Amino acid sequence: QVQLVESGGGLVQAGGSLRLSCAASGSTSGLYRMDWFRQAPGKERKFVAAITWSGGIAYYADSVKGRFTISRDNAKNTVYLQMNSLKPEDTAVYYCQATVTGGTYWGQGTQVTVSS
């Protein structure tokens, strides 16, 4: 089992920045990828960004390229999402997902609200 705890969400004006964190604990020895997804009210959950745990290769949705940066701290088993130039359409609950040998796990989510 892997437990994920997200933090860093909040209310910010358009053009502002936030940094989300997701700390993993438990059976993390087989961790090989962590992702961020987001879900706006009434919409499906969508991929935002991902990073491979060993090589640090990052992937981004087109909608956030150039504005968001994903990074990780292997020693702390923590993944970060630096979000700059935020737009009202970035408003959503942001979820962290961990992929380990044998399955995937989700965090509880953190709310990000961008006001215009």
N, C-alpha and C. Protein backbone atom coordinates (compact mmCIF):
# COMPACT_ATOMS: atom_id res chain seq x y z
N GLN A 1 0.84 -1.20 0.00
CA GLN A 1 0.00 0.00 0.00
C GLN A 1 0.87 1.25 0.00
N VAL A 2 0.40 2.24 -0.73
CA VAL A 2 1.08 3.54 -0.79
C VAL A 2 0.07 4.60 -0.37
N GLN A 3 0.48 5.48 0.50
CA GLN A 3 -0.35 6.61 0.90
C GLN A 3 0.21 7.89 0.29
N LEU A 4 -0.69 8.70 -0.21
CA LEU A 4 -0.31 9.96 -0.85
C LEU A 4 -1.02 11.11 -0.17
N VAL A 5 -0.27 12.14 0.16
CA VAL A 5 -0.85 13.32 0.80
C VAL A 5 -0.46 14.54 -0.01
N GLU A 6 -1.48 15.20 -0.58
CA GLU A 6 -1.24 16.41 -1.37
C GLU A 6 -1.39 17.65 -0.50
N SER A 7 -0.71 18.70 -0.89
CA SER A 7 -0.83 19.98 -0.22
C SER A 7 -0.47 21.09 -1.18
N GLY A 8 -0.78 22.33 -0.79
CA GLY A 8 -0.37 23.47 -1.59
C GLY A 8 -1.45 24.14 -2.39
N GLY A 9 -2.64 23.57 -2.40
CA GLY A 9 -3.71 24.20 -3.15
C GLY A 9 -4.18 25.48 -2.48
N GLY A 10 -5.05 26.22 -3.19
CA GLY A 10 -5.58 27.45 -2.62
C GLY A 10 -6.22 28.32 -3.66
N LEU A 11 -6.46 29.56 -3.28
CA LEU A 11 -7.08 30.55 -4.15
C LEU A 11 -6.01 31.53 -4.62
N VAL A 12 -5.97 31.77 -5.91
CA VAL A 12 -4.96 32.68 -6.47
C VAL A 12 -5.60 33.45 -7.62
N GLN A 13 -5.10 34.64 -7.86
CA GLN A 13 -5.60 35.42 -9.00
C GLN A 13 -4.97 34.94 -10.29
N ALA A 14 -5.65 35.19 -11.38
CA ALA A 14 -5.11 34.84 -12.69
C ALA A 14 -3.74 35.49 -12.88
N GLY A 15 -2.82 34.71 -13.42
CA GLY A 15 -1.45 35.17 -13.59
C GLY A 15 -0.55 34.81 -12.44
N GLY A 16 -1.12 34.34 -11.35
CA GLY A 16 -0.35 33.99 -10.18
C GLY A 16 0.23 32.59 -10.24
N SER A 17 0.84 32.17 -9.14
CA SER A 17 1.53 30.89 -9.07
C SER A 17 1.15 30.13 -7.81
N LEU A 18 1.23 28.84 -7.90
CA LEU A 18 1.08 27.94 -6.75
C LEU A 18 2.03 26.76 -6.95
N ARG A 19 2.44 26.16 -5.85
CA ARG A 19 3.22 24.92 -5.93
C ARG A 19 2.52 23.85 -5.12
N LEU A 20 2.18 22.78 -5.80
CA LEU A 20 1.57 21.63 -5.15
C LEU A 20 2.65 20.62 -4.77
N SER A 21 2.40 19.93 -3.67
CA SER A 21 3.29 18.86 -3.24
C SER A 21 2.48 17.59 -3.02
N CYS A 22 3.13 16.46 -3.22
CA CYS A 22 2.50 15.17 -2.97
C CYS A 22 3.56 14.26 -2.35
N ALA A 23 3.36 13.91 -1.11
CA ALA A 23 4.30 13.06 -0.40
C ALA A 23 3.79 11.63 -0.36
N ALA A 24 4.64 10.70 -0.75
CA ALA A 24 4.28 9.28 -0.76
C ALA A 24 4.92 8.58 0.43
N SER A 25 4.17 7.66 1.02
CA SER A 25 4.70 6.85 2.12
C SER A 25 4.15 5.44 1.98
N GLY A 26 4.73 4.53 2.74
CA GLY A 26 4.31 3.14 2.67
C GLY A 26 5.24 2.34 1.79
N SER A 27 4.68 1.49 0.94
CA SER A 27 5.46 0.60 0.10
C SER A 27 5.91 1.30 -1.17
N THR A 28 6.88 2.18 -1.04
CA THR A 28 7.31 3.01 -2.17
C THR A 28 8.53 2.47 -2.89
N SER A 29 9.03 1.32 -2.50
CA SER A 29 10.27 0.83 -3.10
C SER A 29 10.11 0.53 -4.59
N GLY A 30 8.88 0.19 -5.00
CA GLY A 30 8.64 -0.11 -6.40
C GLY A 30 8.09 1.07 -7.19
N LEU A 31 8.23 2.26 -6.64
CA LEU A 31 7.69 3.45 -7.30
C LEU A 31 8.45 3.75 -8.58
N TYR A 32 7.75 3.92 -9.71
CA TYR A 32 8.48 4.27 -10.93
C TYR A 32 7.87 5.43 -11.71
N ARG A 33 6.73 5.96 -11.24
CA ARG A 33 6.17 7.11 -11.94
C ARG A 33 5.17 7.79 -11.03
N MET A 34 5.12 9.12 -11.10
CA MET A 34 4.08 9.85 -10.38
C MET A 34 3.46 10.86 -11.33
N ASP A 35 2.17 10.99 -11.23
CA ASP A 35 1.40 11.85 -12.12
C ASP A 35 0.57 12.85 -11.33
N TRP A 36 0.24 13.93 -12.00
CA TRP A 36 -0.79 14.86 -11.52
C TRP A 36 -1.95 14.82 -12.51
N PHE A 37 -3.15 14.73 -11.98
CA PHE A 37 -4.38 14.85 -12.74
C PHE A 37 -5.20 15.98 -12.14
N ARG A 38 -6.19 16.44 -12.87
CA ARG A 38 -7.11 17.43 -12.31
C ARG A 38 -8.52 17.16 -12.81
N GLN A 39 -9.46 17.59 -11.97
CA GLN A 39 -10.86 17.39 -12.30
C GLN A 39 -11.64 18.65 -11.96
N ALA A 40 -12.20 19.27 -12.98
CA ALA A 40 -13.04 20.44 -12.79
C ALA A 40 -14.48 19.98 -12.52
N PRO A 41 -15.29 20.82 -11.90
CA PRO A 41 -16.67 20.44 -11.58
C PRO A 41 -17.43 20.00 -12.82
N GLY A 42 -18.05 18.84 -12.75
CA GLY A 42 -18.86 18.34 -13.85
C GLY A 42 -18.08 17.79 -15.03
N LYS A 43 -16.76 17.70 -14.87
CA LYS A 43 -15.93 17.21 -15.98
C LYS A 43 -15.15 15.99 -15.55
N GLU A 44 -14.60 15.28 -16.53
CA GLU A 44 -13.82 14.09 -16.23
C GLU A 44 -12.43 14.47 -15.74
N ARG A 45 -11.81 13.54 -15.03
CA ARG A 45 -10.45 13.75 -14.56
C ARG A 45 -9.50 13.68 -15.75
N LYS A 46 -8.56 14.63 -15.81
CA LYS A 46 -7.65 14.70 -16.94
C LYS A 46 -6.20 14.73 -16.50
N PHE A 47 -5.36 14.18 -17.33
CA PHE A 47 -3.91 14.17 -17.10
C PHE A 47 -3.35 15.58 -17.19
N VAL A 48 -2.42 15.90 -16.28
CA VAL A 48 -1.76 17.19 -16.28
C VAL A 48 -0.26 17.02 -16.55
N ALA A 49 0.40 16.20 -15.76
CA ALA A 49 1.84 16.04 -15.89
C ALA A 49 2.27 14.75 -15.21
N ALA A 50 3.43 14.25 -15.60
CA ALA A 50 3.97 13.03 -15.00
C ALA A 50 5.48 13.10 -15.00
N ILE A 51 6.08 12.31 -14.11
CA ILE A 51 7.54 12.23 -14.06
C ILE A 51 7.94 10.81 -13.71
N THR A 52 8.94 10.29 -14.40
CA THR A 52 9.45 8.97 -14.06
C THR A 52 10.37 9.09 -12.84
N TRP A 53 10.32 8.11 -11.98
CA TRP A 53 10.99 8.26 -10.69
C TRP A 53 12.50 8.09 -10.79
N SER A 54 12.98 7.20 -11.62
CA SER A 54 14.42 6.99 -11.70
C SER A 54 15.09 8.00 -12.62
N GLY A 55 14.56 8.20 -13.82
CA GLY A 55 15.21 9.08 -14.77
C GLY A 55 14.75 10.53 -14.74
N GLY A 56 13.64 10.79 -14.07
CA GLY A 56 13.16 12.16 -14.00
C GLY A 56 12.65 12.70 -15.32
N ILE A 57 12.19 11.82 -16.20
CA ILE A 57 11.64 12.28 -17.48
C ILE A 57 10.23 12.81 -17.25
N ALA A 58 9.97 13.99 -17.77
CA ALA A 58 8.69 14.66 -17.52
C ALA A 58 7.82 14.66 -18.77
N TYR A 59 6.52 14.61 -18.52
CA TYR A 59 5.51 14.65 -19.58
C TYR A 59 4.45 15.67 -19.16
N TYR A 60 3.89 16.37 -20.15
CA TYR A 60 2.91 17.40 -19.86
C TYR A 60 1.74 17.35 -20.83
N ALA A 61 0.58 17.72 -20.33
CA ALA A 61 -0.55 17.96 -21.22
C ALA A 61 -0.29 19.25 -21.99
N ASP A 62 -0.78 19.32 -23.20
CA ASP A 62 -0.55 20.51 -24.02
C ASP A 62 -1.05 21.78 -23.34
N SER A 63 -2.12 21.65 -22.58
CA SER A 63 -2.74 22.82 -21.97
C SER A 63 -1.88 23.48 -20.89
N VAL A 64 -0.87 22.76 -20.40
CA VAL A 64 -0.04 23.32 -19.32
C VAL A 64 1.42 23.47 -19.71
N LYS A 65 1.80 23.02 -20.88
CA LYS A 65 3.19 23.13 -21.31
C LYS A 65 3.65 24.57 -21.30
N GLY A 66 4.84 24.78 -20.75
CA GLY A 66 5.40 26.12 -20.67
C GLY A 66 4.95 26.90 -19.45
N ARG A 67 3.94 26.40 -18.74
CA ARG A 67 3.45 27.09 -17.54
C ARG A 67 3.66 26.26 -16.27
N PHE A 68 3.53 24.96 -16.38
CA PHE A 68 3.67 24.07 -15.23
C PHE A 68 4.98 23.29 -15.33
N THR A 69 5.57 23.01 -14.17
CA THR A 69 6.78 22.20 -14.12
C THR A 69 6.64 21.15 -13.04
N ILE A 70 6.85 19.90 -13.41
CA ILE A 70 6.82 18.81 -12.45
C ILE A 70 8.25 18.45 -12.06
N SER A 71 8.45 18.15 -10.79
CA SER A 71 9.77 17.75 -10.32
C SER A 71 9.59 16.78 -9.17
N ARG A 72 10.70 16.13 -8.78
CA ARG A 72 10.57 15.19 -7.67
C ARG A 72 11.80 15.24 -6.80
N ASP A 73 11.61 14.83 -5.56
CA ASP A 73 12.69 14.69 -4.58
C ASP A 73 12.66 13.23 -4.15
N ASN A 74 13.57 12.45 -4.71
CA ASN A 74 13.57 11.01 -4.44
C ASN A 74 13.78 10.70 -2.96
N ALA A 75 14.62 11.47 -2.32
CA ALA A 75 14.92 11.22 -0.91
C ALA A 75 13.69 11.42 -0.03
N LYS A 76 12.82 12.34 -0.44
CA LYS A 76 11.62 12.63 0.34
C LYS A 76 10.39 11.93 -0.21
N ASN A 77 10.56 11.19 -1.31
CA ASN A 77 9.40 10.53 -1.96
C ASN A 77 8.29 11.54 -2.22
N THR A 78 8.68 12.68 -2.72
CA THR A 78 7.74 13.77 -2.93
C THR A 78 7.82 14.28 -4.36
N VAL A 79 6.66 14.54 -4.93
CA VAL A 79 6.59 15.13 -6.26
C VAL A 79 5.96 16.51 -6.12
N TYR A 80 6.42 17.43 -6.96
CA TYR A 80 5.94 18.80 -6.91
C TYR A 80 5.35 19.19 -8.25
N LEU A 81 4.44 20.13 -8.22
CA LEU A 81 3.91 20.72 -9.45
C LEU A 81 3.94 22.24 -9.27
N GLN A 82 4.90 22.87 -9.93
CA GLN A 82 4.98 24.32 -9.91
C GLN A 82 4.08 24.85 -11.01
N MET A 83 3.12 25.67 -10.64
CA MET A 83 2.13 26.18 -11.59
C MET A 83 2.27 27.69 -11.68
N ASN A 84 2.65 28.17 -12.84
CA ASN A 84 2.82 29.60 -13.09
C ASN A 84 1.81 30.07 -14.12
N SER A 85 1.64 31.37 -14.20
CA SER A 85 0.72 31.97 -15.18
C SER A 85 -0.63 31.28 -15.15
N LEU A 86 -1.16 31.13 -13.97
CA LEU A 86 -2.41 30.40 -13.80
C LEU A 86 -3.57 31.13 -14.46
N LYS A 87 -4.50 30.33 -14.98
CA LYS A 87 -5.68 30.84 -15.67
C LYS A 87 -6.93 30.33 -14.96
N PRO A 88 -8.04 31.03 -15.11
CA PRO A 88 -9.29 30.54 -14.49
C PRO A 88 -9.62 29.10 -14.91
N GLU A 89 -9.28 28.72 -16.11
CA GLU A 89 -9.58 27.36 -16.57
C GLU A 89 -8.69 26.30 -15.91
N ASP A 90 -7.71 26.72 -15.13
CA ASP A 90 -6.91 25.77 -14.35
C ASP A 90 -7.61 25.38 -13.05
N THR A 91 -8.72 26.04 -12.74
CA THR A 91 -9.46 25.73 -11.53
C THR A 91 -9.94 24.29 -11.55
N ALA A 92 -9.59 23.55 -10.51
CA ALA A 92 -9.95 22.13 -10.44
C ALA A 92 -9.45 21.56 -9.12
N VAL A 93 -9.86 20.34 -8.84
CA VAL A 93 -9.23 19.57 -7.79
C VAL A 93 -8.06 18.81 -8.43
N TYR A 94 -6.89 18.95 -7.86
CA TYR A 94 -5.69 18.33 -8.40
C TYR A 94 -5.37 17.08 -7.57
N TYR A 95 -5.17 15.98 -8.30
CA TYR A 95 -4.91 14.70 -7.67
C TYR A 95 -3.53 14.19 -8.05
N CYS A 96 -2.87 13.60 -7.09
CA CYS A 96 -1.59 12.94 -7.31
C CYS A 96 -1.85 11.45 -7.47
N GLN A 97 -1.12 10.84 -8.39
CA GLN A 97 -1.22 9.40 -8.60
C GLN A 97 0.19 8.80 -8.60
N ALA A 98 0.34 7.71 -7.88
CA ALA A 98 1.61 6.99 -7.84
C ALA A 98 1.46 5.63 -8.52
N THR A 99 2.39 5.31 -9.38
CA THR A 99 2.41 4.00 -10.03
C THR A 99 3.58 3.21 -9.48
N VAL A 100 3.26 2.07 -8.90
CA VAL A 100 4.28 1.18 -8.35
C VAL A 100 4.07 -0.20 -8.95
N THR A 101 5.04 -1.05 -8.72
CA THR A 101 4.90 -2.42 -9.18
C THR A 101 3.64 -3.02 -8.57
N GLY A 102 2.69 -3.37 -9.40
CA GLY A 102 1.49 -4.00 -8.88
C GLY A 102 0.27 -3.11 -8.78
N GLY A 103 0.40 -1.82 -9.06
CA GLY A 103 -0.82 -1.01 -9.00
C GLY A 103 -0.57 0.48 -8.99
N THR A 104 -1.68 1.20 -8.92
CA THR A 104 -1.62 2.66 -8.82
C THR A 104 -2.42 3.12 -7.62
N TYR A 105 -2.04 4.26 -7.09
CA TYR A 105 -2.68 4.82 -5.91
C TYR A 105 -2.97 6.30 -6.14
N TRP A 106 -4.02 6.78 -5.49
CA TRP A 106 -4.44 8.17 -5.62
C TRP A 106 -4.41 8.88 -4.28
N GLY A 107 -4.10 10.16 -4.35
CA GLY A 107 -4.25 11.00 -3.18
C GLY A 107 -5.68 11.50 -3.06
N GLN A 108 -5.92 12.30 -2.02
CA GLN A 108 -7.27 12.75 -1.74
C GLN A 108 -7.64 13.99 -2.54
N GLY A 109 -6.66 14.64 -3.13
CA GLY A 109 -6.92 15.82 -3.93
C GLY A 109 -6.74 17.11 -3.16
N THR A 110 -6.39 18.17 -3.89
CA THR A 110 -6.26 19.49 -3.31
C THR A 110 -6.90 20.50 -4.28
N GLN A 111 -7.68 21.41 -3.73
CA GLN A 111 -8.43 22.35 -4.56
C GLN A 111 -7.55 23.51 -4.99
N VAL A 112 -7.59 23.82 -6.27
CA VAL A 112 -6.94 25.01 -6.82
C VAL A 112 -8.03 25.86 -7.47
N THR A 113 -8.13 27.11 -7.04
CA THR A 113 -9.12 28.02 -7.59
C THR A 113 -8.41 29.27 -8.10
N VAL A 114 -8.62 29.58 -9.37
CA VAL A 114 -7.99 30.74 -9.99
C VAL A 114 -9.08 31.74 -10.33
N SER A 115 -9.00 32.91 -9.73
CA SER A 115 -10.01 33.94 -9.97
C SER A 115 -9.58 34.86 -11.11
N SER A 116 -10.55 35.35 -11.83
CA SER A 116 -10.24 36.22 -12.98
C SER A 116 -10.20 37.69 -12.57
